[in-house]
């Protein structure tokens, strides 16, 4: 042993997974930058050909995803405050996508496994925390839309 930490090279399946993660997160970031954030705080997804939110149309209450695309588009322009005010969870999604892209790029360039694990194993705290943030973002968006009326 030389005292240096040895690394295990990433194998084919790991590299394929890392490549897919890099491509998916990179595509999200590019697409987010390409989209023009809606000044209404929701509806940016319509630029992708998707219909308006039917949940909002029929109930007057935004769905859990209302504002996520708009928030992500703001964050892609480094407008973090506007992204947070639009839909806080959208900013979290952006930060996760950016972090994943950076770590995946690092892994691909160094031929090492991803320095972070996407599967937290038996500890589900990360997933529960993300689910809680998603719900809290939805509640926030409901109150934000109610202020418009």
Protein backbone atom coordinates (compact mmCIF):
# COMPACT_ATOMS: atom_id res chain seq x y z
CA UNK A 1 0.00 0.00 0.00
CA UNK A 2 1.35 3.39 -0.93
CA UNK A 3 -0.99 5.32 1.33
CA UNK A 4 -2.86 6.76 -1.63
CA UNK A 5 -6.53 5.99 -1.88
CA UNK A 6 -7.16 3.53 -4.63
CA UNK A 7 -10.15 3.97 -6.84
CA UNK A 8 -12.16 1.31 -8.52
CA UNK A 9 -12.78 2.24 -12.16
CA UNK A 10 -16.41 2.55 -13.13
CA UNK A 11 -17.61 -0.51 -15.02
CA UNK A 12 -19.74 -0.54 -18.17
CA UNK A 13 -23.14 -0.53 -16.45
CA UNK A 14 -22.07 2.29 -14.14
CA UNK A 15 -20.75 4.31 -17.07
CA UNK A 16 -23.95 3.77 -19.02
CA UNK A 17 -26.03 4.91 -16.03
CA UNK A 18 -23.77 7.91 -15.54
CA UNK A 19 -23.99 8.80 -19.23
CA UNK A 20 -27.79 8.64 -19.09
CA UNK A 21 -27.83 10.79 -15.95
CA UNK A 22 -25.51 13.33 -17.56
CA UNK A 23 -27.58 13.44 -20.76
CA UNK A 24 -30.90 13.72 -18.92
CA UNK A 25 -29.77 16.39 -16.46
CA UNK A 26 -27.92 18.28 -19.19
CA UNK A 27 -31.00 18.20 -21.43
CA UNK A 28 -33.13 19.53 -18.57
CA UNK A 29 -30.71 22.40 -18.00
CA UNK A 30 -30.52 23.30 -21.71
CA UNK A 31 -34.29 23.07 -22.10
CA UNK A 32 -34.84 25.18 -18.99
CA UNK A 33 -32.56 27.87 -20.41
CA UNK A 34 -34.33 27.72 -23.78
CA UNK A 35 -37.80 28.24 -22.29
CA UNK A 36 -39.01 31.77 -21.59
CA UNK A 37 -40.43 31.92 -18.04
CA UNK A 38 -44.08 32.93 -17.97
CA UNK A 39 -44.70 36.21 -16.14
CA UNK A 40 -47.82 34.60 -14.64
CA UNK A 41 -45.66 32.17 -12.63
CA UNK A 42 -47.11 29.14 -14.40
CA UNK A 43 -47.85 27.99 -17.93
CA UNK A 44 -44.28 27.89 -19.26
CA UNK A 45 -44.81 24.22 -20.11
CA UNK A 46 -47.20 25.31 -22.89
CA UNK A 47 -44.11 26.28 -24.92
CA UNK A 48 -43.40 22.55 -25.13
CA UNK A 49 -46.83 21.87 -26.63
CA UNK A 50 -48.49 20.71 -23.43
CA UNK A 51 -52.04 21.90 -22.68
CA UNK A 52 -52.89 24.28 -19.84
CA UNK A 53 -53.30 22.72 -16.41
CA UNK A 54 -56.73 21.09 -16.33
CA UNK A 55 -56.62 20.76 -12.54
CA UNK A 56 -56.25 24.53 -12.24
CA UNK A 57 -58.88 25.12 -14.89
CA UNK A 58 -61.53 22.96 -13.21
CA UNK A 59 -60.76 23.59 -9.53
CA UNK A 60 -59.18 27.03 -9.47
CA UNK A 61 -56.38 25.47 -7.42
CA UNK A 62 -52.95 24.85 -8.95
CA UNK A 63 -51.81 21.25 -9.26
CA UNK A 64 -48.63 20.10 -7.49
CA UNK A 65 -46.62 20.74 -10.67
CA UNK A 66 -47.96 24.22 -11.42
CA UNK A 67 -45.05 26.62 -11.66
CA UNK A 68 -42.29 23.99 -11.68
CA UNK A 69 -41.30 24.57 -15.31
CA UNK A 70 -41.47 28.34 -14.88
CA UNK A 71 -39.36 28.13 -11.71
CA UNK A 72 -36.83 25.87 -13.45
CA UNK A 73 -36.62 28.31 -16.39
CA UNK A 74 -35.90 31.16 -13.96
CA UNK A 75 -33.24 29.12 -12.18
CA UNK A 76 -31.65 28.23 -15.52
CA UNK A 77 -31.15 31.96 -15.99
CA UNK A 78 -29.62 32.14 -12.50
CA UNK A 79 -32.66 34.08 -11.28
CA UNK A 80 -32.76 32.10 -8.05
CA UNK A 81 -34.93 34.47 -6.03
CA UNK A 82 -37.56 34.60 -8.79
CA UNK A 83 -37.34 30.81 -9.14
CA UNK A 84 -37.94 30.36 -5.42
CA UNK A 85 -40.82 32.85 -5.36
CA UNK A 86 -42.43 31.15 -8.37
CA UNK A 87 -42.33 27.60 -6.99
CA UNK A 88 -39.71 26.65 -4.37
CA UNK A 89 -39.55 23.01 -5.40
CA UNK A 90 -38.65 24.03 -8.96
CA UNK A 91 -35.47 25.58 -7.61
CA UNK A 92 -34.70 22.34 -5.76
CA UNK A 93 -35.20 20.35 -8.96
CA UNK A 94 -32.86 22.73 -10.79
CA UNK A 95 -30.18 22.38 -8.11
CA UNK A 96 -30.50 18.59 -8.20
CA UNK A 97 -30.21 18.56 -12.01
CA UNK A 98 -27.17 20.88 -11.97
CA UNK A 99 -25.47 18.88 -9.23
CA UNK A 100 -26.16 15.61 -11.02
CA UNK A 101 -24.75 17.01 -14.28
CA UNK A 102 -21.55 18.16 -12.55
CA UNK A 103 -20.99 14.90 -10.69
CA UNK A 104 -21.81 12.79 -13.74
CA UNK A 105 -19.41 14.83 -15.88
CA UNK A 106 -16.71 14.39 -13.23
CA UNK A 107 -17.37 10.64 -13.14
CA UNK A 108 -17.22 10.31 -16.92
CA UNK A 109 -14.04 12.35 -17.24
CA UNK A 110 -12.17 10.64 -14.41
CA UNK A 111 -13.59 7.17 -15.11
CA UNK A 112 -14.51 6.88 -11.43
CA UNK A 113 -17.89 5.98 -9.97
CA UNK A 114 -20.29 8.80 -9.18
CA UNK A 115 -19.13 10.52 -5.98
CA UNK A 116 -22.73 10.67 -4.75
CA UNK A 117 -25.18 7.82 -4.59
CA UNK A 118 -28.66 8.33 -6.00
CA UNK A 119 -29.96 5.31 -4.11
CA UNK A 120 -29.75 6.11 -0.38
CA UNK A 121 -30.34 2.46 0.51
CA UNK A 122 -32.38 1.70 3.60
CA UNK A 123 -32.21 5.33 4.76
CA UNK A 124 -35.15 6.96 3.02
CA UNK A 125 -34.72 10.35 4.71
CA UNK A 126 -33.59 12.01 1.48
CA UNK A 127 -36.64 10.78 -0.45
CA UNK A 128 -39.03 11.67 2.38
CA UNK A 129 -37.47 15.13 2.60
CA UNK A 130 -37.89 15.67 -1.15
CA UNK A 131 -41.51 14.51 -0.96
CA UNK A 132 -42.13 16.91 1.93
CA UNK A 133 -40.53 19.78 -0.03
CA UNK A 134 -42.73 18.88 -3.03
CA UNK A 135 -45.88 19.07 -0.91
CA UNK A 136 -44.76 22.27 0.81
CA UNK A 137 -44.00 23.79 -2.61
CA UNK A 138 -47.52 22.90 -3.72
CA UNK A 139 -49.06 24.47 -0.62
CA UNK A 140 -46.97 27.59 -1.21
CA UNK A 141 -48.13 27.73 -4.84
CA UNK A 142 -51.78 27.41 -3.81
CA UNK A 143 -51.45 30.44 -1.54
CA UNK A 144 -49.47 32.36 -4.18
CA UNK A 145 -52.16 31.76 -6.82
CA UNK A 146 -54.92 32.66 -4.35
CA UNK A 147 -53.23 36.06 -3.93
CA UNK A 148 -53.74 36.67 -7.68
CA UNK A 149 -57.51 36.45 -7.34
